[in-house]
């Protein structure tokens, strides 16, 4: 059985266990590559996190050994500058959807969610196993059988003939190679047929909705910066986040910045206190981890998604109520709190303003007719759309827009992501 098994462990916690497991794996899976311990083997001058990530990327399965000092070491390293290979290795495997098996040693309990960094909390949802000293021989045989089965299943899944991703067929259906949340199980979506087609590229990433191609009139005559109303044609289907990016998704990315939640709560609350540049940093991480072309939506795409085929002031009509959106309030609410629009997108009105990719332009004179990103203008400012928890109703309209400086975070601003499908 070919394959690579990566042993993830802490020296101070489970070095002896790792040696014994490594020995048994080598003996009982002779064709597999059993990778034990990379600390101390990184080439000089090479960025250590990138090197760790590249090594993990080649494995078929990871065993995460969890002993009685495992959590204690996490807490120590989180308050110091010491490298934490264990965290980086597990986070890299989870982000790549590589199977990770929590291996509990002796009577060590499964860690609590609060004790783990956000980037590896998904570990708690994975099927675990246990090795105990009195029953080690039987336990390790069961573990090795499970490892062989998991690698075999992974190998069978990856050996199936690939389908072209993002290329529409003659009947208009489009292929997305991802975890299908709702839609055809084979990934062939039929956008625009009255269904909400959804997928996820990674568990810790955003849930995406496939948006159909189409035409709409962008802008309004209400404000100078929304004039002139003009026709826009979105030529190809694309995907957009079902929700604004949440704190849980931001924290799972393990980025250097940890924006304040204003003591309102993290989890499913939309991430706030992020700048346009912070949003771009998250998208860079997401694109690198998934290998997919994530981005911020263009301003035209954002309004197209907000309207969802409607021509009224709001997607729900010409008036909006507190039962449809969060506005004139004191704080944000969790994403998914209010009813979605007709395309299954939540909180396009209110809760947080959302960044777009375009540079800022004072009006729509010369705007691209195909909905692509509008460059030129003032590159130090970018459009914000949708209104926020703090806004008055008029700021929540589908056409309303303001420009905001790239580097300034704010507790009324967040973002959702888009993804190109070809």
Protein backbone atom coordinates (compact mmCIF):
# COMPACT_ATOMS: atom_id res chain seq x y z
CA UNK A 1 0.00 0.00 0.00
CA UNK A 2 1.80 3.18 -1.15
CA UNK A 3 1.23 6.41 0.75
CA UNK A 4 2.84 8.81 3.18
CA UNK A 5 1.92 8.90 6.87
CA UNK A 6 3.00 11.99 8.79
CA UNK A 7 3.59 11.57 12.55
CA UNK A 8 2.79 14.80 14.38
CA UNK A 9 3.86 14.91 18.03
CA UNK A 10 5.54 16.96 20.77
CA UNK A 11 8.89 15.81 22.08
CA UNK A 12 8.07 16.81 25.65
CA UNK A 13 4.75 15.02 25.43
CA UNK A 14 4.99 11.86 23.34
CA UNK A 15 8.47 11.23 21.88
CA UNK A 16 8.63 7.65 23.17
CA UNK A 17 5.16 6.89 21.81
CA UNK A 18 6.13 8.34 18.42
CA UNK A 19 9.17 6.08 18.21
CA UNK A 20 7.15 2.94 19.00
CA UNK A 21 4.37 3.84 16.55
CA UNK A 22 6.93 4.68 13.86
CA UNK A 23 8.59 1.30 14.33
CA UNK A 24 5.28 -0.59 14.02
CA UNK A 25 4.14 1.40 10.99
CA UNK A 26 7.42 0.72 9.19
CA UNK A 27 7.13 -3.00 9.94
CA UNK A 28 3.47 -3.46 9.00
CA UNK A 29 3.21 -0.94 6.13
CA UNK A 30 6.55 -1.55 4.37
CA UNK A 31 5.50 0.19 1.15
CA UNK A 32 4.39 3.38 2.90
CA UNK A 33 6.58 6.40 3.60
CA UNK A 34 6.43 7.04 7.36
CA UNK A 35 7.54 10.57 8.10
CA UNK A 36 8.71 11.22 11.67
CA UNK A 37 9.84 14.59 13.00
CA UNK A 38 10.99 17.44 10.80
CA UNK A 39 12.29 19.72 13.56
CA UNK A 40 16.01 20.23 13.07
CA UNK A 41 15.94 19.13 9.42
CA UNK A 42 14.83 22.41 7.83
CA UNK A 43 17.41 23.71 5.31
CA UNK A 44 19.22 26.79 6.55
CA UNK A 45 17.77 30.09 5.39
CA UNK A 46 14.41 28.59 4.38
CA UNK A 47 11.19 30.06 5.93
CA UNK A 48 10.23 27.35 8.41
CA UNK A 49 6.43 27.62 8.13
CA UNK A 50 6.59 27.38 4.33
CA UNK A 51 8.90 24.36 4.52
CA UNK A 52 6.62 22.61 7.03
CA UNK A 53 3.62 23.36 4.82
CA UNK A 54 5.34 21.90 1.76
CA UNK A 55 6.20 18.69 3.63
CA UNK A 56 2.68 18.25 4.97
CA UNK A 57 1.26 18.84 1.48
CA UNK A 58 2.81 15.57 0.27
CA UNK A 59 1.32 13.32 2.95
CA UNK A 60 -1.79 11.14 2.64
CA UNK A 61 -2.67 11.02 6.33
CA UNK A 62 -1.48 12.61 9.57
CA UNK A 63 -1.45 11.03 13.03
CA UNK A 64 -1.65 13.72 15.73
CA UNK A 65 -0.37 12.20 18.98
CA UNK A 66 -2.03 13.80 22.03
CA UNK A 67 -0.55 13.10 25.44
CA UNK A 68 -1.06 14.58 28.89
CA UNK A 69 1.27 17.57 28.23
CA UNK A 70 -0.03 18.40 24.75
CA UNK A 71 -2.37 21.23 25.79
CA UNK A 72 0.10 22.58 28.34
CA UNK A 73 2.67 23.04 25.57
CA UNK A 74 0.14 24.88 23.39
CA UNK A 75 -0.48 27.35 26.18
CA UNK A 76 3.23 27.88 26.78
CA UNK A 77 4.02 28.50 23.13
CA UNK A 78 1.06 30.81 22.55
CA UNK A 79 2.63 33.24 25.04
CA UNK A 80 6.13 33.09 23.57
CA UNK A 81 7.97 33.45 20.27
CA UNK A 82 8.87 29.74 20.21
CA UNK A 83 8.11 27.93 16.97
CA UNK A 84 5.10 25.64 17.21
CA UNK A 85 5.58 22.98 14.56
CA UNK A 86 2.70 20.90 15.92
CA UNK A 87 0.15 23.66 15.38
CA UNK A 88 1.49 24.60 11.94
CA UNK A 89 1.56 20.98 10.76
CA UNK A 90 -2.00 20.20 11.88
CA UNK A 91 -3.38 23.49 10.51
CA UNK A 92 -1.69 22.84 7.16
CA UNK A 93 -3.17 19.33 6.92
CA UNK A 94 -6.67 20.48 7.89
CA UNK A 95 -6.58 23.33 5.39
CA UNK A 96 -5.66 20.87 2.64
CA UNK A 97 -8.37 18.37 3.65
CA UNK A 98 -5.71 15.77 4.44
CA UNK A 99 -7.13 13.19 6.91
CA UNK A 100 -5.91 13.90 10.45
CA UNK A 101 -6.39 11.26 13.16
CA UNK A 102 -6.28 12.46 16.79
CA UNK A 103 -4.47 9.68 18.68
CA UNK A 104 -5.20 9.95 22.41
CA UNK A 105 -2.44 8.40 24.54
CA UNK A 106 -3.34 6.44 27.69
CA UNK A 107 -6.12 8.31 29.53
CA UNK A 108 -5.60 11.72 27.92
CA UNK A 109 -9.02 13.31 27.27
CA UNK A 110 -9.96 15.00 24.00
CA UNK A 111 -9.00 18.70 24.30
CA UNK A 112 -11.73 21.31 24.73
CA UNK A 113 -12.47 23.81 21.99
CA UNK A 114 -11.36 26.73 24.18
CA UNK A 115 -7.93 25.15 24.70
CA UNK A 116 -7.06 25.01 20.99
CA UNK A 117 -5.97 27.72 18.52
CA UNK A 118 -8.73 28.56 16.05
CA UNK A 119 -6.74 27.15 13.13
CA UNK A 120 -6.93 23.57 14.44
CA UNK A 121 -10.28 23.40 16.27
CA UNK A 122 -11.75 21.28 13.47
CA UNK A 123 -9.57 18.51 14.89
CA UNK A 124 -12.26 18.03 17.55
CA UNK A 125 -14.79 16.93 14.90
CA UNK A 126 -12.58 14.18 13.47
CA UNK A 127 -12.79 10.51 14.39
CA UNK A 128 -10.18 9.81 17.08
CA UNK A 129 -8.55 6.64 18.37
CA UNK A 130 -6.77 5.73 21.60
CA UNK A 131 -3.55 3.87 22.41
CA UNK A 132 -2.96 2.57 25.93
CA UNK A 133 0.13 0.92 27.35
CA UNK A 134 -1.58 -2.25 28.67
CA UNK A 135 -3.27 -2.92 25.32
CA UNK A 136 -0.69 -1.32 23.03
CA UNK A 137 -0.24 -4.27 20.67
CA UNK A 138 -3.96 -4.64 19.95
CA UNK A 139 -4.52 -0.88 19.84
CA UNK A 140 -1.72 -0.22 17.38
CA UNK A 141 -2.87 -3.06 15.09
CA UNK A 142 -6.32 -1.48 14.94
CA UNK A 143 -4.72 1.91 14.26
CA UNK A 144 -2.61 0.58 11.40
CA UNK A 145 -5.61 -1.18 9.83
CA UNK A 146 -7.48 2.13 9.98
CA UNK A 147 -4.55 4.02 8.46
CA UNK A 148 -4.34 1.55 5.57
CA UNK A 149 -8.09 1.79 4.93
CA UNK A 150 -8.09 5.61 5.02
CA UNK A 151 -5.18 5.89 2.58
CA UNK A 152 -6.81 3.34 0.27
CA UNK A 153 -10.08 5.31 0.23
CA UNK A 154 -8.23 8.56 -0.40
CA UNK A 155 -6.26 6.97 -3.21
CA UNK A 156 -9.42 5.66 -4.86
CA UNK A 157 -11.07 9.06 -4.69
CA UNK A 158 -8.12 10.90 -6.20
CA UNK A 159 -7.62 8.31 -8.98
CA UNK A 160 -11.01 8.97 -10.56
CA UNK A 161 -10.82 10.80 -13.90
CA UNK A 162 -10.99 14.57 -13.32
CA UNK A 163 -13.69 16.78 -14.81
CA UNK A 164 -12.96 20.25 -16.18
CA UNK A 165 -13.79 22.71 -13.38
CA UNK A 166 -15.69 25.86 -14.16
CA UNK A 167 -16.37 25.06 -17.83
CA UNK A 168 -20.08 25.32 -18.74
CA UNK A 169 -21.63 22.60 -20.88
CA UNK A 170 -23.90 23.21 -23.83
CA UNK A 171 -26.93 23.04 -21.50
CA UNK A 172 -25.50 25.80 -19.27
CA UNK A 173 -24.49 23.55 -16.39
CA UNK A 174 -21.14 24.30 -14.75
CA UNK A 175 -18.71 22.02 -12.91
CA UNK A 176 -17.27 22.87 -9.49
CA UNK A 177 -14.76 20.48 -7.91
CA UNK A 178 -15.50 20.99 -4.22
CA UNK A 179 -17.55 19.67 -1.32
CA UNK A 180 -21.13 20.05 -2.54
CA UNK A 181 -23.39 21.45 0.19
CA UNK A 182 -26.57 21.68 -1.89
CA UNK A 183 -26.87 20.85 -5.57
CA UNK A 184 -26.07 18.01 -7.92
CA UNK A 185 -23.87 15.53 -6.03
CA UNK A 186 -21.56 15.24 -9.03
CA UNK A 187 -20.84 18.97 -8.85
CA UNK A 188 -22.57 19.90 -12.12
CA UNK A 189 -24.54 23.00 -11.13
CA UNK A 190 -27.31 24.60 -13.14
CA UNK A 191 -27.22 28.24 -11.96
CA UNK A 192 -30.30 30.36 -12.46
CA UNK A 193 -32.85 27.54 -12.33
CA UNK A 194 -34.49 28.59 -9.06
CA UNK A 195 -32.09 26.64 -6.86
CA UNK A 196 -29.45 27.73 -4.36
CA UNK A 197 -26.38 25.76 -5.43
CA UNK A 198 -23.74 25.75 -2.68
CA UNK A 199 -20.26 24.33 -2.12
CA UNK A 200 -17.19 24.62 0.12
CA UNK A 201 -13.58 24.21 -0.97
CA UNK A 202 -12.34 23.62 2.61
CA UNK A 203 -14.23 23.03 5.85
CA UNK A 204 -12.69 26.05 7.57
CA UNK A 205 -13.47 28.31 4.62
CA UNK A 206 -16.63 30.12 3.51
CA UNK A 207 -19.71 28.46 2.05
CA UNK A 208 -20.14 29.63 -1.53
CA UNK A 209 -23.27 30.13 -3.67
CA UNK A 210 -23.17 29.78 -7.47
CA UNK A 211 -24.58 32.98 -9.02
CA UNK A 212 -25.97 32.87 -12.59
CA UNK A 213 -24.93 35.08 -15.48
CA UNK A 214 -27.41 37.82 -16.32
CA UNK A 215 -28.19 41.50 -16.82
CA UNK A 216 -29.34 44.26 -14.47
CA UNK A 217 -29.43 48.05 -14.13
CA UNK A 218 -26.80 49.25 -11.67
CA UNK A 219 -27.13 52.46 -9.65
CA UNK A 220 -29.96 54.92 -9.08
CA UNK A 221 -30.82 58.60 -9.39
CA UNK A 222 -31.07 59.05 -5.60
CA UNK A 223 -27.47 60.13 -4.96
CA UNK A 224 -24.86 61.77 -7.16
CA UNK A 225 -22.39 58.94 -6.60
CA UNK A 226 -24.93 56.32 -7.76
CA UNK A 227 -25.58 58.09 -11.06
CA UNK A 228 -26.09 57.39 -13.86
CA UNK A 229 -28.08 54.15 -13.68
CA UNK A 230 -26.58 51.93 -16.37
CA UNK A 231 -27.01 48.42 -17.77
CA UNK A 232 -24.47 45.78 -16.75
CA UNK A 233 -24.10 42.29 -18.23
CA UNK A 234 -22.53 39.57 -16.08
CA UNK A 235 -21.36 37.18 -18.78
CA UNK A 236 -20.40 34.13 -16.74
CA UNK A 237 -21.59 32.43 -13.54
CA UNK A 238 -19.38 33.02 -10.50
CA UNK A 239 -19.53 32.17 -6.80
CA UNK A 240 -20.02 34.48 -3.84
CA UNK A 241 -20.01 33.89 -0.09
CA UNK A 242 -23.37 32.84 1.32
CA UNK A 243 -22.52 34.97 4.36
CA UNK A 244 -20.06 37.71 5.25
CA UNK A 245 -16.80 36.22 6.54
CA UNK A 246 -17.25 35.37 10.21
CA UNK A 247 -14.82 35.64 13.09
CA UNK A 248 -14.67 31.83 13.15
CA UNK A 249 -13.49 31.76 9.53
CA UNK A 250 -11.03 34.59 10.11
CA UNK A 251 -9.60 32.97 13.25
CA UNK A 252 -9.27 29.60 11.47
CA UNK A 253 -7.02 31.26 8.90
CA UNK A 254 -4.50 31.96 11.67
CA UNK A 255 -3.52 35.34 10.23
CA UNK A 256 -1.21 37.68 12.11
CA UNK A 257 -4.00 40.15 12.95
CA UNK A 258 -6.68 39.32 15.51
CA UNK A 259 -9.27 42.09 15.11
CA UNK A 260 -11.31 43.14 18.13
CA UNK A 261 -14.89 41.91 18.39
CA UNK A 262 -15.81 44.87 20.65
CA UNK A 263 -16.82 42.25 23.28
CA UNK A 264 -19.88 41.37 21.18
CA UNK A 265 -18.66 37.83 20.54
CA UNK A 266 -16.73 36.02 17.81
CA UNK A 267 -17.82 32.70 16.30
CA UNK A 268 -20.58 33.34 13.73
CA UNK A 269 -20.55 37.10 14.17
CA UNK A 270 -19.19 38.82 11.03
CA UNK A 271 -15.56 39.78 11.37
CA UNK A 272 -15.22 43.53 12.00
CA UNK A 273 -12.40 45.99 12.61
CA UNK A 274 -10.73 44.83 9.39
CA UNK A 275 -9.48 47.07 6.61
CA UNK A 276 -9.67 46.49 2.87
CA UNK A 277 -6.05 45.36 3.02
CA UNK A 278 -6.91 42.91 5.82
CA UNK A 279 -9.66 41.47 3.64
CA UNK A 280 -7.14 41.02 0.84
CA UNK A 281 -4.76 39.24 3.24
CA UNK A 282 -7.49 36.74 4.15
CA UNK A 283 -8.24 36.15 0.47
CA UNK A 284 -4.56 35.57 -0.27
CA UNK A 285 -4.49 32.93 2.47
CA UNK A 286 -7.72 31.32 1.24
CA UNK A 287 -6.54 31.19 -2.37
CA UNK A 288 -3.21 29.69 -1.36
CA UNK A 289 -4.78 27.02 0.83
CA UNK A 290 -7.45 25.98 -1.68
CA UNK A 291 -5.63 26.60 -4.94
CA UNK A 292 -8.78 28.39 -6.14
CA UNK A 293 -9.11 31.98 -7.45
CA UNK A 294 -10.81 33.75 -4.54
CA UNK A 295 -11.18 37.53 -4.54
CA UNK A 296 -13.37 40.37 -3.39
CA UNK A 297 -16.43 40.90 -5.61
CA UNK A 298 -16.40 43.77 -8.05
CA UNK A 299 -18.80 46.53 -7.11
CA UNK A 300 -21.10 45.55 -9.98
CA UNK A 301 -21.06 41.90 -8.91
CA UNK A 302 -21.88 42.93 -5.35
CA UNK A 303 -24.94 44.96 -6.39
CA UNK A 304 -26.02 42.21 -8.79
CA UNK A 305 -25.92 39.71 -5.91
CA UNK A 306 -27.65 42.10 -3.53
CA UNK A 307 -30.54 42.72 -5.94
CA UNK A 308 -30.85 39.01 -6.82
CA UNK A 309 -33.04 39.75 -9.81
CA UNK A 310 -35.11 42.50 -8.16
CA UNK A 311 -35.40 46.16 -9.19
CA UNK A 312 -36.71 47.59 -5.91
CA UNK A 313 -34.82 49.69 -3.36
CA UNK A 314 -34.06 46.59 -1.30
CA UNK A 315 -34.17 42.96 -2.38
CA UNK A 316 -37.28 42.55 -0.23
CA UNK A 317 -39.13 45.59 -1.64
CA UNK A 318 -39.08 49.37 -1.37
CA UNK A 319 -39.09 49.34 2.43
CA UNK A 320 -37.03 47.45 4.98
CA UNK A 321 -37.84 46.48 8.55
CA UNK A 322 -35.98 45.25 11.60
CA UNK A 323 -37.30 41.77 10.77
CA UNK A 324 -35.27 41.79 7.53
CA UNK A 325 -31.94 43.40 8.50
CA UNK A 326 -29.76 44.68 11.34
CA UNK A 327 -29.67 48.50 11.34
CA UNK A 328 -30.15 51.37 13.79
CA UNK A 329 -28.78 48.92 16.37
CA UNK A 330 -25.98 48.74 18.94
CA UNK A 331 -23.96 45.82 17.56
CA UNK A 332 -23.77 43.09 14.93
CA UNK A 333 -25.72 39.83 14.91
CA UNK A 334 -24.58 36.38 13.80
CA UNK A 335 -24.47 35.74 10.08
CA UNK A 336 -27.58 33.93 8.90
CA UNK A 337 -29.86 35.68 11.40
CA UNK A 338 -32.17 37.29 8.84
CA UNK A 339 -33.96 35.74 5.84
CA UNK A 340 -31.84 35.36 2.68
CA UNK A 341 -32.57 37.03 -0.63
CA UNK A 342 -33.90 35.08 -3.61
CA UNK A 343 -30.41 33.77 -4.43
CA UNK A 344 -29.81 32.43 -0.93
CA UNK A 345 -27.44 35.21 0.19
CA UNK A 346 -27.69 36.46 3.77
CA UNK A 347 -27.35 39.97 5.21
CA UNK A 348 -26.60 41.75 1.94
CA UNK A 349 -28.48 44.58 3.66
CA UNK A 350 -27.18 45.75 7.04
CA UNK A 351 -25.05 44.13 9.77
CA UNK A 352 -21.70 45.12 8.22
CA UNK A 353 -20.65 47.24 5.27
CA UNK A 354 -18.82 45.03 2.75
CA UNK A 355 -15.68 45.87 0.79
CA UNK A 356 -15.47 45.59 -3.00
CA UNK A 357 -12.39 45.15 -5.16
CA UNK A 358 -12.74 48.32 -7.29
CA UNK A 359 -10.95 51.58 -6.76
CA UNK A 360 -13.19 54.46 -5.75
CA UNK A 361 -14.94 56.56 -8.41
CA UNK A 362 -17.16 59.52 -7.56
CA UNK A 363 -19.92 58.37 -9.97
CA UNK A 364 -20.58 55.78 -12.67
CA UNK A 365 -19.49 57.79 -15.70
CA UNK A 366 -17.27 55.41 -17.66
CA UNK A 367 -18.06 52.36 -15.52
CA UNK A 368 -17.41 49.00 -17.24
CA UNK A 369 -20.57 47.52 -18.79
CA UNK A 370 -19.51 43.91 -18.13
CA UNK A 371 -19.33 44.03 -14.32
CA UNK A 372 -15.56 43.65 -14.12
CA UNK A 373 -13.40 45.41 -11.54
CA UNK A 374 -13.11 49.15 -12.22
CA UNK A 375 -9.50 50.29 -11.90
CA UNK A 376 -8.23 53.87 -12.20
CA UNK A 377 -9.93 56.38 -9.92
CA UNK A 378 -8.58 56.70 -6.37
CA UNK A 379 -6.70 53.52 -5.46
CA UNK A 380 -6.37 54.56 -1.81
CA UNK A 381 -10.16 54.28 -1.37
CA UNK A 382 -12.52 51.41 -2.16
CA UNK A 383 -16.31 51.03 -2.24
CA UNK A 384 -18.26 49.83 0.78
CA UNK A 385 -21.74 48.44 0.16
CA UNK A 386 -24.83 47.27 2.03
CA UNK A 387 -24.95 49.42 5.16
CA UNK A 388 -24.23 48.28 8.71
CA UNK A 389 -25.69 47.63 12.14
CA UNK A 390 -25.29 51.35 12.83
CA UNK A 391 -26.79 52.68 9.58
CA UNK A 392 -30.07 54.33 8.79
CA UNK A 393 -32.33 52.47 6.34
CA UNK A 394 -31.31 54.52 3.28
CA UNK A 395 -27.71 53.29 3.63
CA UNK A 396 -28.94 49.70 3.28
CA UNK A 397 -30.36 50.17 -0.21
CA UNK A 398 -29.02 48.03 -3.04
CA UNK A 399 -27.56 51.09 -4.78
CA UNK A 400 -26.07 52.97 -1.81
CA UNK A 401 -22.27 53.28 -1.78
CA UNK A 402 -19.48 55.05 0.06
CA UNK A 403 -15.72 55.16 -0.42
CA UNK A 404 -13.41 54.16 2.41
CA UNK A 405 -9.64 54.33 2.88
CA UNK A 406 -7.78 51.04 2.22
CA UNK A 407 -5.82 50.92 5.46
CA UNK A 408 -8.49 51.95 7.99
CA UNK A 409 -10.35 49.22 9.93
CA UNK A 410 -13.73 50.02 11.47
CA UNK A 411 -16.28 48.16 13.58
CA UNK A 412 -18.97 48.69 10.95
CA UNK A 413 -16.94 47.15 8.11
CA UNK A 414 -16.54 43.51 7.06
CA UNK A 415 -16.45 41.61 3.78
CA UNK A 416 -17.61 38.57 1.85
CA UNK A 417 -15.60 36.76 -0.79
CA UNK A 418 -16.19 35.85 -4.42
CA UNK A 419 -14.62 33.12 -6.54
CA UNK A 420 -14.12 32.81 -10.27
CA UNK A 421 -15.41 29.50 -11.66
CA UNK A 422 -13.15 29.18 -14.70
